[in-house]
């Protein structure tokens, strides 16, 4: 397993500083110049080293991969990692340290970073229960069932409102814009600009803004100056109630569109783990667990919208 991350510079190289000190000694000792001149030269070397190791990598946003034997045996835990991996600048090595008390034979966990279950399953082959970094990508707003959402909130969308949101880029893309050359995971995973639901933030705030504007009454729309930007924050208690009702209804429609319910999937997984007579492969169990976690994310977000 390879670790990846931003390149933060090379390790400490004592030879550079030792050689600089030698040159300073020769420069002053043989009378080529005074100590101030030598110190200025040494300062330039030090500044160049800092620029090369710490500043330049951040400006160029370089990314590096590293193989860390033994450390890569540690499993992932998003909520309570018991250890942390860091690069030792002066030791030119990676270290795994913990401040927790680990019992003999106990397991030491690290965090692989804020990764969704999509990433964990694709790159590491497992799914994390109640993953705080998990996401669910719904279809873009332009593909939502507007008729059902209008019935759910009791409001009709005024003519021209959808076109205005489309021009503002809030309806997502109508085609696949990704050319496949991007190395950004979010762009690859969501090329059509679908609505992103996260366990931490819930429904994307830009989508909530779009729903405030889209389902606002004519009076609210006029009071906002017909400007979508004025719906970036809560416009009025009633407008906020309607926007969250629409978001909740859209999530429920997405959840209801699945061929199985969350309860059915949980029962199936329980039968798989309790009895090997079902001839279920590890891959099938992972698939069931994966869709359980996605449905739980939708369900929990619906619950939060109802409580807010």
C-alpha atoms as a PDB file:
ATOM      1  CA  UNK A   1       0.000   0.000   0.000  1.00  0.00           C
ATOM      2  CA  UNK A   2       1.360   3.425  -0.937  1.00  0.00           C
ATOM      3  CA  UNK A   3       0.790   6.597   1.057  1.00  0.00           C
ATOM      4  CA  UNK A   4       0.262   9.799  -0.885  1.00  0.00           C
ATOM      5  CA  UNK A   5       0.285  13.448   0.035  1.00  0.00           C
ATOM      6  CA  UNK A   6       1.641  16.890  -0.645  1.00  0.00           C
ATOM      7  CA  UNK A   7       5.422  17.005  -0.985  1.00  0.00           C
ATOM      8  CA  UNK A   8       6.781  19.003   1.953  1.00  0.00           C
ATOM      9  CA  UNK A   9      10.428  19.040   1.025  1.00  0.00           C
ATOM     10  CA  UNK A  10      13.428  16.755   1.348  1.00  0.00           C
ATOM     11  CA  UNK A  11      14.894  15.542   4.609  1.00  0.00           C
ATOM     12  CA  UNK A  12      17.502  17.423   6.608  1.00  0.00           C
ATOM     13  CA  UNK A  13      20.893  17.203   4.894  1.00  0.00           C
ATOM     14  CA  UNK A  14      23.732  17.967   7.343  1.00  0.00           C
ATOM     15  CA  UNK A  15      26.317  17.912   4.533  1.00  0.00           C
ATOM     16  CA  UNK A  16      24.999  21.210   3.092  1.00  0.00           C
ATOM     17  CA  UNK A  17      25.361  23.041   6.392  1.00  0.00           C
ATOM     18  CA  UNK A  18      28.694  21.389   7.285  1.00  0.00           C
ATOM     19  CA  UNK A  19      30.153  22.345   3.918  1.00  0.00           C
ATOM     20  CA  UNK A  20      28.840  25.906   4.325  1.00  0.00           C
ATOM     21  CA  UNK A  21      30.491  26.138   7.753  1.00  0.00           C
ATOM     22  CA  UNK A  22      33.754  24.881   6.247  1.00  0.00           C
ATOM     23  CA  UNK A  23      33.621  27.528   3.525  1.00  0.00           C
ATOM     24  CA  UNK A  24      32.938  30.235   6.134  1.00  0.00           C
ATOM     25  CA  UNK A  25      35.944  29.073   8.166  1.00  0.00           C
ATOM     26  CA  UNK A  26      38.233  29.046   5.098  1.00  0.00           C
ATOM     27  CA  UNK A  27      36.899  32.409   3.895  1.00  0.00           C
ATOM     28  CA  UNK A  28      37.546  34.129   7.220  1.00  0.00           C
ATOM     29  CA  UNK A  29      40.625  32.105   8.235  1.00  0.00           C
ATOM     30  CA  UNK A  30      42.572  32.844   5.060  1.00  0.00           C
ATOM     31  CA  UNK A  31      41.564  36.493   5.030  1.00  0.00           C
ATOM     32  CA  UNK A  32      39.429  36.457   1.924  1.00  0.00           C
ATOM     33  CA  UNK A  33      36.872  38.600   3.738  1.00  0.00           C
ATOM     34  CA  UNK A  34      35.428  39.478   7.117  1.00  0.00           C
ATOM     35  CA  UNK A  35      32.908  37.530   9.224  1.00  0.00           C
ATOM     36  CA  UNK A  36      29.958  39.696   8.189  1.00  0.00           C
ATOM     37  CA  UNK A  37      30.499  38.874   4.527  1.00  0.00           C
ATOM     38  CA  UNK A  38      30.817  35.167   5.305  1.00  0.00           C
ATOM     39  CA  UNK A  39      27.675  35.280   7.441  1.00  0.00           C
ATOM     40  CA  UNK A  40      25.760  36.894   4.576  1.00  0.00           C
ATOM     41  CA  UNK A  41      26.811  34.077   2.274  1.00  0.00           C
ATOM     42  CA  UNK A  42      25.837  31.427   4.817  1.00  0.00           C
ATOM     43  CA  UNK A  43      22.480  33.160   5.284  1.00  0.00           C
ATOM     44  CA  UNK A  44      21.811  32.951   1.567  1.00  0.00           C
ATOM     45  CA  UNK A  45      22.540  29.225   1.617  1.00  0.00           C
ATOM     46  CA  UNK A  46      20.174  28.753   4.562  1.00  0.00           C
ATOM     47  CA  UNK A  47      17.437  30.849   2.886  1.00  0.00           C
ATOM     48  CA  UNK A  48      17.813  28.925  -0.383  1.00  0.00           C
ATOM     49  CA  UNK A  49      17.549  25.622   1.492  1.00  0.00           C
ATOM     50  CA  UNK A  50      14.364  26.730   3.280  1.00  0.00           C
ATOM     51  CA  UNK A  51      12.886  28.015   0.012  1.00  0.00           C
ATOM     52  CA  UNK A  52      13.675  24.753  -1.782  1.00  0.00           C
ATOM     53  CA  UNK A  53      12.436  22.455   0.997  1.00  0.00           C
ATOM     54  CA  UNK A  54       9.391  24.287   2.355  1.00  0.00           C
ATOM     55  CA  UNK A  55       8.242  27.140   0.097  1.00  0.00           C
ATOM     56  CA  UNK A  56       8.733  25.795  -3.426  1.00  0.00           C
ATOM     57  CA  UNK A  57       6.854  22.494  -2.844  1.00  0.00           C
ATOM     58  CA  UNK A  58       3.819  24.428  -1.570  1.00  0.00           C
ATOM     59  CA  UNK A  59       3.862  26.781  -4.552  1.00  0.00           C
ATOM     60  CA  UNK A  60       4.183  23.938  -7.071  1.00  0.00           C
ATOM     61  CA  UNK A  61       1.704  21.747  -5.102  1.00  0.00           C
ATOM     62  CA  UNK A  62       3.764  18.661  -5.739  1.00  0.00           C
ATOM     63  CA  UNK A  63       2.405  15.267  -4.749  1.00  0.00           C
ATOM     64  CA  UNK A  64       4.531  12.316  -3.738  1.00  0.00           C
ATOM     65  CA  UNK A  65       3.975   8.637  -2.997  1.00  0.00           C
ATOM     66  CA  UNK A  66       5.819   6.623  -0.384  1.00  0.00           C
ATOM     67  CA  UNK A  67       6.030   2.943   0.545  1.00  0.00           C
ATOM     68  CA  UNK A  68       6.162   2.477   4.331  1.00  0.00           C
ATOM     69  CA  UNK A  69       6.704  -1.170   5.317  1.00  0.00           C
ATOM     70  CA  UNK A  70       5.236  -2.153   8.702  1.00  0.00           C
ATOM     71  CA  UNK A  71       3.419   1.178   9.033  1.00  0.00           C
ATOM     72  CA  UNK A  72       1.146   0.204   6.153  1.00  0.00           C
ATOM     73  CA  UNK A  73      -0.057  -2.757   8.241  1.00  0.00           C
ATOM     74  CA  UNK A  74      -2.079  -0.373  10.432  1.00  0.00           C
ATOM     75  CA  UNK A  75      -5.805  -0.338   9.689  1.00  0.00           C
ATOM     76  CA  UNK A  76      -7.997   2.728   9.246  1.00  0.00           C
ATOM     77  CA  UNK A  77     -10.347   4.360  11.739  1.00  0.00           C
ATOM     78  CA  UNK A  78     -11.865   7.756  10.930  1.00  0.00           C
ATOM     79  CA  UNK A  79     -13.332   8.482  14.350  1.00  0.00           C
ATOM     80  CA  UNK A  80     -10.734   7.235  16.817  1.00  0.00           C
ATOM     81  CA  UNK A  81      -7.309   6.655  15.262  1.00  0.00           C
ATOM     82  CA  UNK A  82      -4.951   5.581  18.028  1.00  0.00           C
ATOM     83  CA  UNK A  83      -1.780   6.476  16.144  1.00  0.00           C
ATOM     84  CA  UNK A  84      -0.456   9.066  13.756  1.00  0.00           C
ATOM     85  CA  UNK A  85       2.021   8.836  10.880  1.00  0.00           C
ATOM     86  CA  UNK A  86       4.451  11.685  10.281  1.00  0.00           C
ATOM     87  CA  UNK A  87       7.656  12.351   8.392  1.00  0.00           C
ATOM     88  CA  UNK A  88      10.678  13.024  10.591  1.00  0.00           C
ATOM     89  CA  UNK A  89      12.578  15.873   8.936  1.00  0.00           C
ATOM     90  CA  UNK A  90      15.816  15.315  10.850  1.00  0.00           C
ATOM     91  CA  UNK A  91      15.599  11.523  10.847  1.00  0.00           C
ATOM     92  CA  UNK A  92      14.747  11.143   7.133  1.00  0.00           C
ATOM     93  CA  UNK A  93      12.147   8.507   8.003  1.00  0.00           C
ATOM     94  CA  UNK A  94       8.458   7.997   8.666  1.00  0.00           C
ATOM     95  CA  UNK A  95       7.299   7.301  12.196  1.00  0.00           C
ATOM     96  CA  UNK A  96       4.134   5.881  13.739  1.00  0.00           C
ATOM     97  CA  UNK A  97       3.506   7.234  17.227  1.00  0.00           C
ATOM     98  CA  UNK A  98       0.683   6.984  19.734  1.00  0.00           C
ATOM     99  CA  UNK A  99      -0.136   8.585  23.063  1.00  0.00           C
ATOM    100  CA  UNK A 100      -2.756   5.939  23.859  1.00  0.00           C
ATOM    101  CA  UNK A 101      -2.178   2.866  25.973  1.00  0.00           C
ATOM    102  CA  UNK A 102      -2.142  -0.131  23.662  1.00  0.00           C
ATOM    103  CA  UNK A 103      -2.561  -3.528  25.270  1.00  0.00           C
ATOM    104  CA  UNK A 104      -0.344  -6.402  24.236  1.00  0.00           C
ATOM    105  CA  UNK A 105      -1.900  -7.969  21.161  1.00  0.00           C
ATOM    106  CA  UNK A 106      -4.123  -4.924  20.658  1.00  0.00           C
ATOM    107  CA  UNK A 107      -4.572  -3.173  17.326  1.00  0.00           C
ATOM    108  CA  UNK A 108      -3.190   0.240  16.469  1.00  0.00           C
ATOM    109  CA  UNK A 109      -5.336   2.308  14.097  1.00  0.00           C
ATOM    110  CA  UNK A 110      -4.345   5.250  11.917  1.00  0.00           C
ATOM    111  CA  UNK A 111      -6.400   7.514   9.667  1.00  0.00           C
ATOM    112  CA  UNK A 112      -6.016   7.217   5.903  1.00  0.00           C
ATOM    113  CA  UNK A 113      -7.502  10.706   5.637  1.00  0.00           C
ATOM    114  CA  UNK A 114     -11.014  12.048   5.106  1.00  0.00           C
ATOM    115  CA  UNK A 115     -12.147   9.414   2.612  1.00  0.00           C
ATOM    116  CA  UNK A 116     -15.651   8.403   1.617  1.00  0.00           C
ATOM    117  CA  UNK A 117     -16.702   4.766   1.510  1.00  0.00           C
ATOM    118  CA  UNK A 118     -16.461   4.994  -2.281  1.00  0.00           C
ATOM    119  CA  UNK A 119     -12.758   5.731  -1.962  1.00  0.00           C
ATOM    120  CA  UNK A 120     -12.159   3.237   0.846  1.00  0.00           C
ATOM    121  CA  UNK A 121     -13.835   0.457  -1.129  1.00  0.00           C
ATOM    122  CA  UNK A 122     -12.117   1.323  -4.411  1.00  0.00           C
ATOM    123  CA  UNK A 123      -8.589   1.806  -3.067  1.00  0.00           C
ATOM    124  CA  UNK A 124      -8.491  -0.333   0.099  1.00  0.00           C
ATOM    125  CA  UNK A 125     -11.247  -2.921  -0.284  1.00  0.00           C
ATOM    126  CA  UNK A 126     -13.367  -2.231   2.791  1.00  0.00           C
ATOM    127  CA  UNK A 127     -16.337  -0.141   3.956  1.00  0.00           C
ATOM    128  CA  UNK A 128     -16.343   1.823   7.210  1.00  0.00           C
ATOM    129  CA  UNK A 129     -19.529   1.858   9.256  1.00  0.00           C
ATOM    130  CA  UNK A 130     -20.873   5.335  10.116  1.00  0.00           C
ATOM    131  CA  UNK A 131     -18.014   6.919   8.188  1.00  0.00           C
ATOM    132  CA  UNK A 132     -18.070  10.667   9.045  1.00  0.00           C
ATOM    133  CA  UNK A 133     -16.505  11.468   5.659  1.00  0.00           C
ATOM    134  CA  UNK A 134     -18.988   9.471   3.612  1.00  0.00           C
ATOM    135  CA  UNK A 135     -20.870  11.135   0.749  1.00  0.00           C
ATOM    136  CA  UNK A 136     -23.855  10.359  -1.454  1.00  0.00           C
ATOM    137  CA  UNK A 137     -24.076  11.837  -4.937  1.00  0.00           C
ATOM    138  CA  UNK A 138     -27.630  12.375  -6.164  1.00  0.00           C
ATOM    139  CA  UNK A 139     -28.587  13.300  -9.731  1.00  0.00           C
ATOM    140  CA  UNK A 140     -28.112  16.984 -10.572  1.00  0.00           C
ATOM    141  CA  UNK A 141     -30.972  19.325  -9.714  1.00  0.00           C
ATOM    142  CA  UNK A 142     -32.093  19.491 -13.361  1.00  0.00           C
ATOM    143  CA  UNK A 143     -32.950  15.760 -13.225  1.00  0.00           C
ATOM    144  CA  UNK A 144     -35.085  15.917 -10.070  1.00  0.00           C
ATOM    145  CA  UNK A 145     -38.805  15.133 -10.335  1.00  0.00           C
ATOM    146  CA  UNK A 146     -40.086  18.708 -10.133  1.00  0.00           C
ATOM    147  CA  UNK A 147     -43.763  17.706 -10.354  1.00  0.00           C
ATOM    148  CA  UNK A 148     -43.539  15.526  -7.234  1.00  0.00           C
ATOM    149  CA  UNK A 149     -41.545  18.174  -5.362  1.00  0.00           C
ATOM    150  CA  UNK A 150     -44.133  20.837  -6.203  1.00  0.00           C
ATOM    151  CA  UNK A 151     -46.844  18.597  -4.794  1.00  0.00           C
ATOM    152  CA  UNK A 152     -44.784  17.869  -1.681  1.00  0.00           C
ATOM    153  CA  UNK A 153     -44.341  21.539  -0.754  1.00  0.00           C
ATOM    154  CA  UNK A 154     -47.589  22.893  -2.189  1.00  0.00           C
ATOM    155  CA  UNK A 155     -45.867  25.496  -4.366  1.00  0.00           C
ATOM    156  CA  UNK A 156     -45.476  25.818  -8.120  1.00  0.00           C
ATOM    157  CA  UNK A 157     -42.243  27.019  -9.701  1.00  0.00           C
ATOM    158  CA  UNK A 158     -42.734  30.306 -11.521  1.00  0.00           C
ATOM    159  CA  UNK A 159     -41.899  30.372 -15.259  1.00  0.00           C
ATOM    160  CA  UNK A 160     -38.307  31.267 -16.058  1.00  0.00           C
ATOM    161  CA  UNK A 161     -37.005  30.412 -12.594  1.00  0.00           C
ATOM    162  CA  UNK A 162     -35.294  27.190 -13.720  1.00  0.00           C
ATOM    163  CA  UNK A 163     -33.584  28.962 -16.620  1.00  0.00           C
ATOM    164  CA  UNK A 164     -32.208  31.582 -14.266  1.00  0.00           C
ATOM    165  CA  UNK A 165     -30.764  28.910 -11.977  1.00  0.00           C
ATOM    166  CA  UNK A 166     -29.329  27.129 -15.006  1.00  0.00           C
ATOM    167  CA  UNK A 167     -27.495  30.285 -16.076  1.00  0.00           C
ATOM    168  CA  UNK A 168     -26.121  30.549 -12.534  1.00  0.00           C
ATOM    169  CA  UNK A 169     -24.764  27.000 -12.824  1.00  0.00           C
ATOM    170  CA  UNK A 170     -26.907  25.645  -9.982  1.00  0.00           C
ATOM    171  CA  UNK A 171     -28.678  22.884 -11.914  1.00  0.00           C
ATOM    172  CA  UNK A 172     -25.614  20.777 -12.657  1.00  0.00           C
ATOM    173  CA  UNK A 173     -24.400  19.742 -16.080  1.00  0.00           C
ATOM    174  CA  UNK A 174     -26.576  18.296 -18.821  1.00  0.00           C
ATOM    175  CA  UNK A 175     -23.696  16.258 -20.251  1.00  0.00           C
ATOM    176  CA  UNK A 176     -20.449  14.642 -19.199  1.00  0.00           C
ATOM    177  CA  UNK A 177     -17.896  17.459 -19.173  1.00  0.00           C
ATOM    178  CA  UNK A 178     -15.019  15.452 -17.756  1.00  0.00           C
ATOM    179  CA  UNK A 179     -12.416  14.512 -20.359  1.00  0.00           C
ATOM    180  CA  UNK A 180     -11.012  11.739 -18.180  1.00  0.00           C
ATOM    181  CA  UNK A 181      -7.651  13.452 -17.757  1.00  0.00           C
ATOM    182  CA  UNK A 182      -8.399  15.010 -14.362  1.00  0.00           C
ATOM    183  CA  UNK A 183      -6.652  13.555 -11.308  1.00  0.00           C
ATOM    184  CA  UNK A 184      -9.162  15.181  -8.952  1.00  0.00           C
ATOM    185  CA  UNK A 185     -11.298  12.444  -7.408  1.00  0.00           C
ATOM    186  CA  UNK A 186     -14.334  14.695  -6.863  1.00  0.00           C
ATOM    187  CA  UNK A 187     -14.369  15.696 -10.541  1.00  0.00           C
ATOM    188  CA  UNK A 188     -14.069  12.110 -11.726  1.00  0.00           C
ATOM    189  CA  UNK A 189     -16.706  10.794  -9.306  1.00  0.00           C
ATOM    190  CA  UNK A 190     -19.207  13.556 -10.039  1.00  0.00           C
ATOM    191  CA  UNK A 191     -18.730  14.689 -13.651  1.00  0.00           C
ATOM    192  CA  UNK A 192     -22.340  15.890 -14.077  1.00  0.00           C
ATOM    193  CA  UNK A 193     -22.302  18.107 -10.994  1.00  0.00           C
ATOM    194  CA  UNK A 194     -24.769  15.987  -9.039  1.00  0.00           C
ATOM    195  CA  UNK A 195     -26.083  17.063  -5.654  1.00  0.00           C
ATOM    196  CA  UNK A 196     -23.594  16.079  -2.966  1.00  0.00           C
ATOM    197  CA  UNK A 197     -24.894  14.938   0.410  1.00  0.00           C
ATOM    198  CA  UNK A 198     -22.316  14.537   3.186  1.00  0.00           C
ATOM    199  CA  UNK A 199     -22.629  13.099   6.652  1.00  0.00           C
ATOM    200  CA  UNK A 200     -21.068  16.196   8.180  1.00  0.00           C
ATOM    201  CA  UNK A 201     -22.809  19.013   6.276  1.00  0.00           C
ATOM    202  CA  UNK A 202     -25.902  17.295   4.875  1.00  0.00           C
ATOM    203  CA  UNK A 203     -27.201  18.643   1.569  1.00  0.00           C
ATOM    204  CA  UNK A 204     -24.791  20.935  -0.291  1.00  0.00           C
ATOM    205  CA  UNK A 205     -25.451  24.520   0.843  1.00  0.00           C
ATOM    206  CA  UNK A 206     -25.409  25.712  -2.783  1.00  0.00           C
ATOM    207  CA  UNK A 207     -28.319  23.362  -3.472  1.00  0.00           C
ATOM    208  CA  UNK A 208     -30.233  24.698  -0.455  1.00  0.00           C
ATOM    209  CA  UNK A 209     -29.665  28.188  -1.865  1.00  0.00           C
ATOM    210  CA  UNK A 210     -31.006  27.040  -5.241  1.00  0.00           C
ATOM    211  CA  UNK A 211     -34.098  25.522  -3.592  1.00  0.00           C
ATOM    212  CA  UNK A 212     -34.759  28.731  -1.638  1.00  0.00           C
ATOM    213  CA  UNK A 213     -34.774  30.674  -4.884  1.00  0.00           C
ATOM    214  CA  UNK A 214     -36.531  28.031  -6.983  1.00  0.00           C
ATOM    215  CA  UNK A 215     -39.474  27.488  -4.640  1.00  0.00           C
ATOM    216  CA  UNK A 216     -39.766  31.047  -3.335  1.00  0.00           C
ATOM    217  CA  UNK A 217     -43.136  32.725  -3.677  1.00  0.00           C
ATOM    218  CA  UNK A 218     -43.562  35.586  -6.139  1.00  0.00           C
ATOM    219  CA  UNK A 219     -43.508  38.051  -3.225  1.00  0.00           C
ATOM    220  CA  UNK A 220     -40.291  36.538  -1.820  1.00  0.00           C
ATOM    221  CA  UNK A 221     -38.692  36.522  -5.271  1.00  0.00           C
ATOM    222  CA  UNK A 222     -39.588  40.169  -5.793  1.00  0.00           C
ATOM    223  CA  UNK A 223     -38.402  41.134  -2.299  1.00  0.00           C
ATOM    224  CA  UNK A 224     -35.048  39.492  -3.074  1.00  0.00           C
ATOM    225  CA  UNK A 225     -34.688  41.648  -6.165  1.00  0.00           C
ATOM    226  CA  UNK A 226     -34.973  38.520  -8.338  1.00  0.00           C
ATOM    227  CA  UNK A 227     -31.342  37.826  -7.415  1.00  0.00           C
ATOM    228  CA  UNK A 228     -30.331  34.266  -6.566  1.00  0.00           C
ATOM    229  CA  UNK A 229     -27.414  35.557  -4.504  1.00  0.00           C
ATOM    230  CA  UNK A 230     -29.840  37.023  -1.978  1.00  0.00           C
ATOM    231  CA  UNK A 231     -30.931  33.484  -1.118  1.00  0.00           C
ATOM    232  CA  UNK A 232     -27.422  32.430  -0.007  1.00  0.00           C
ATOM    233  CA  UNK A 233     -28.560  32.743   3.615  1.00  0.00           C
ATOM    234  CA  UNK A 234     -31.943  32.091   5.171  1.00  0.00           C
ATOM    235  CA  UNK A 235     -34.365  34.519   3.541  1.00  0.00           C
ATOM    236  CA  UNK A 236     -37.376  33.996   5.799  1.00  0.00           C
ATOM    237  CA  UNK A 237     -38.585  31.244   8.158  1.00  0.00           C
ATOM    238  CA  UNK A 238     -41.321  30.194   5.726  1.00  0.00           C
ATOM    239  CA  UNK A 239     -38.982  30.141   2.726  1.00  0.00           C
ATOM    240  CA  UNK A 240     -36.461  28.090   4.715  1.00  0.00           C
ATOM    241  CA  UNK A 241     -39.177  25.634   5.767  1.00  0.00           C
ATOM    242  CA  UNK A 242     -40.242  25.091   2.152  1.00  0.00           C
ATOM    243  CA  UNK A 243     -36.651  24.699   0.887  1.00  0.00           C
ATOM    244  CA  UNK A 244     -35.850  22.068   3.513  1.00  0.00           C
ATOM    245  CA  UNK A 245     -39.155  20.306   2.859  1.00  0.00           C
ATOM    246  CA  UNK A 246     -38.243  20.050  -0.822  1.00  0.00           C
ATOM    247  CA  UNK A 247     -34.739  18.787   0.025  1.00  0.00           C
ATOM    248  CA  UNK A 248     -36.212  16.194   2.398  1.00  0.00           C
ATOM    249  CA  UNK A 249     -38.734  15.071  -0.225  1.00  0.00           C
ATOM    250  CA  UNK A 250     -36.003  14.729  -2.864  1.00  0.00           C
ATOM    251  CA  UNK A 251     -33.902  12.578  -0.526  1.00  0.00           C
ATOM    252  CA  UNK A 252     -36.920  10.431   0.307  1.00  0.00           C
ATOM    253  CA  UNK A 253     -37.695   9.957  -3.400  1.00  0.00           C
ATOM    254  CA  UNK A 254     -34.079   8.893  -3.944  1.00  0.00           C
ATOM    255  CA  UNK A 255     -34.290   6.438  -1.044  1.00  0.00           C
ATOM    256  CA  UNK A 256     -37.626   5.050  -2.245  1.00  0.00           C
ATOM    257  CA  UNK A 257     -36.227   4.496  -5.736  1.00  0.00           C
ATOM    258  CA  UNK A 258     -33.966   1.682  -4.518  1.00  0.00           C
ATOM    259  CA  UNK A 259     -35.148  -1.875  -5.211  1.00  0.00           C
ATOM    260  CA  UNK A 260     -34.627  -2.831  -1.550  1.00  0.00           C
ATOM    261  CA  UNK A 261     -35.176  -0.978   1.711  1.00  0.00           C
ATOM    262  CA  UNK A 262     -32.551  -0.262   4.342  1.00  0.00           C
ATOM    263  CA  UNK A 263     -34.224  -2.732   6.705  1.00  0.00           C
ATOM    264  CA  UNK A 264     -34.235  -5.467   4.058  1.00  0.00           C
ATOM    265  CA  UNK A 265     -30.533  -4.925   3.371  1.00  0.00           C
ATOM    266  CA  UNK A 266     -29.667  -5.034   7.073  1.00  0.00           C
ATOM    267  CA  UNK A 267     -31.633  -8.254   7.499  1.00  0.00           C
ATOM    268  CA  UNK A 268     -29.916  -9.773   4.458  1.00  0.00           C
ATOM    269  CA  UNK A 269     -26.455  -8.845   5.771  1.00  0.00           C
ATOM    270  CA  UNK A 270     -27.304 -10.309   9.156  1.00  0.00           C
ATOM    271  CA  UNK A 271     -28.324 -13.591   7.521  1.00  0.00           C
ATOM    272  CA  UNK A 272     -25.138 -13.604   5.452  1.00  0.00           C
ATOM    273  CA  UNK A 273     -22.872 -13.149   8.449  1.00  0.00           C
ATOM    274  CA  UNK A 274     -24.831 -15.591  10.657  1.00  0.00           C
ATOM    275  CA  UNK A 275     -25.062 -18.396   8.123  1.00  0.00           C
ATOM    276  CA  UNK A 276     -22.566 -19.380   5.491  1.00  0.00           C
ATOM    277  CA  UNK A 277     -25.248 -21.508   3.861  1.00  0.00           C
ATOM    278  CA  UNK A 278     -26.195 -18.590   1.648  1.00  0.00           C
ATOM    279  CA  UNK A 279     -22.947 -19.060  -0.262  1.00  0.00           C
ATOM    280  CA  UNK A 280     -22.331 -15.322  -0.123  1.00  0.00           C
ATOM    281  CA  UNK A 281     -18.883 -14.191  -1.192  1.00  0.00           C
ATOM    282  CA  UNK A 282     -16.936 -11.497   0.708  1.00  0.00           C
ATOM    283  CA  UNK A 283     -17.507  -9.206  -2.267  1.00  0.00           C
ATOM    284  CA  UNK A 284     -21.285  -9.640  -1.990  1.00  0.00           C
ATOM    285  CA  UNK A 285     -21.203  -8.865   1.735  1.00  0.00           C
ATOM    286  CA  UNK A 286     -19.163  -5.728   1.014  1.00  0.00           C
ATOM    287  CA  UNK A 287     -21.676  -4.657  -1.631  1.00  0.00           C
ATOM    288  CA  UNK A 288     -24.562  -5.046   0.816  1.00  0.00           C
ATOM    289  CA  UNK A 289     -22.682  -3.153   3.543  1.00  0.00           C
ATOM    290  CA  UNK A 290     -21.808  -0.405   1.061  1.00  0.00           C
ATOM    291  CA  UNK A 291     -25.408   0.222   0.050  1.00  0.00           C
ATOM    292  CA  UNK A 292     -26.513   0.038   3.701  1.00  0.00           C
ATOM    293  CA  UNK A 293     -24.145   2.853   4.579  1.00  0.00           C
ATOM    294  CA  UNK A 294     -25.380   4.951   1.645  1.00  0.00           C
ATOM    295  CA  UNK A 295     -29.019   4.448   2.635  1.00  0.00           C
ATOM    296  CA  UNK A 296     -28.192   5.264   6.255  1.00  0.00           C
ATOM    297  CA  UNK A 297     -26.627   8.517   5.088  1.00  0.00           C
ATOM    298  CA  UNK A 298     -29.801   9.454   3.196  1.00  0.00           C
ATOM    299  CA  UNK A 299     -32.006   8.433   6.137  1.00  0.00           C
ATOM    300  CA  UNK A 300     -29.942  10.372   8.688  1.00  0.00           C
ATOM    301  CA  UNK A 301     -29.917  13.488   6.490  1.00  0.00           C
ATOM    302  CA  UNK A 302     -33.714  13.294   6.158  1.00  0.00           C
ATOM    303  CA  UNK A 303     -33.983  13.061   9.963  1.00  0.00           C
ATOM    304  CA  UNK A 304     -31.730  16.106  10.404  1.00  0.00           C
ATOM    305  CA  UNK A 305     -33.797  18.132   7.912  1.00  0.00           C
ATOM    306  CA  UNK A 306     -36.991  17.207   9.763  1.00  0.00           C
ATOM    307  CA  UNK A 307     -35.470  18.322  13.064  1.00  0.00           C
ATOM    308  CA  UNK A 308     -34.080  21.620  11.771  1.00  0.00           C
END
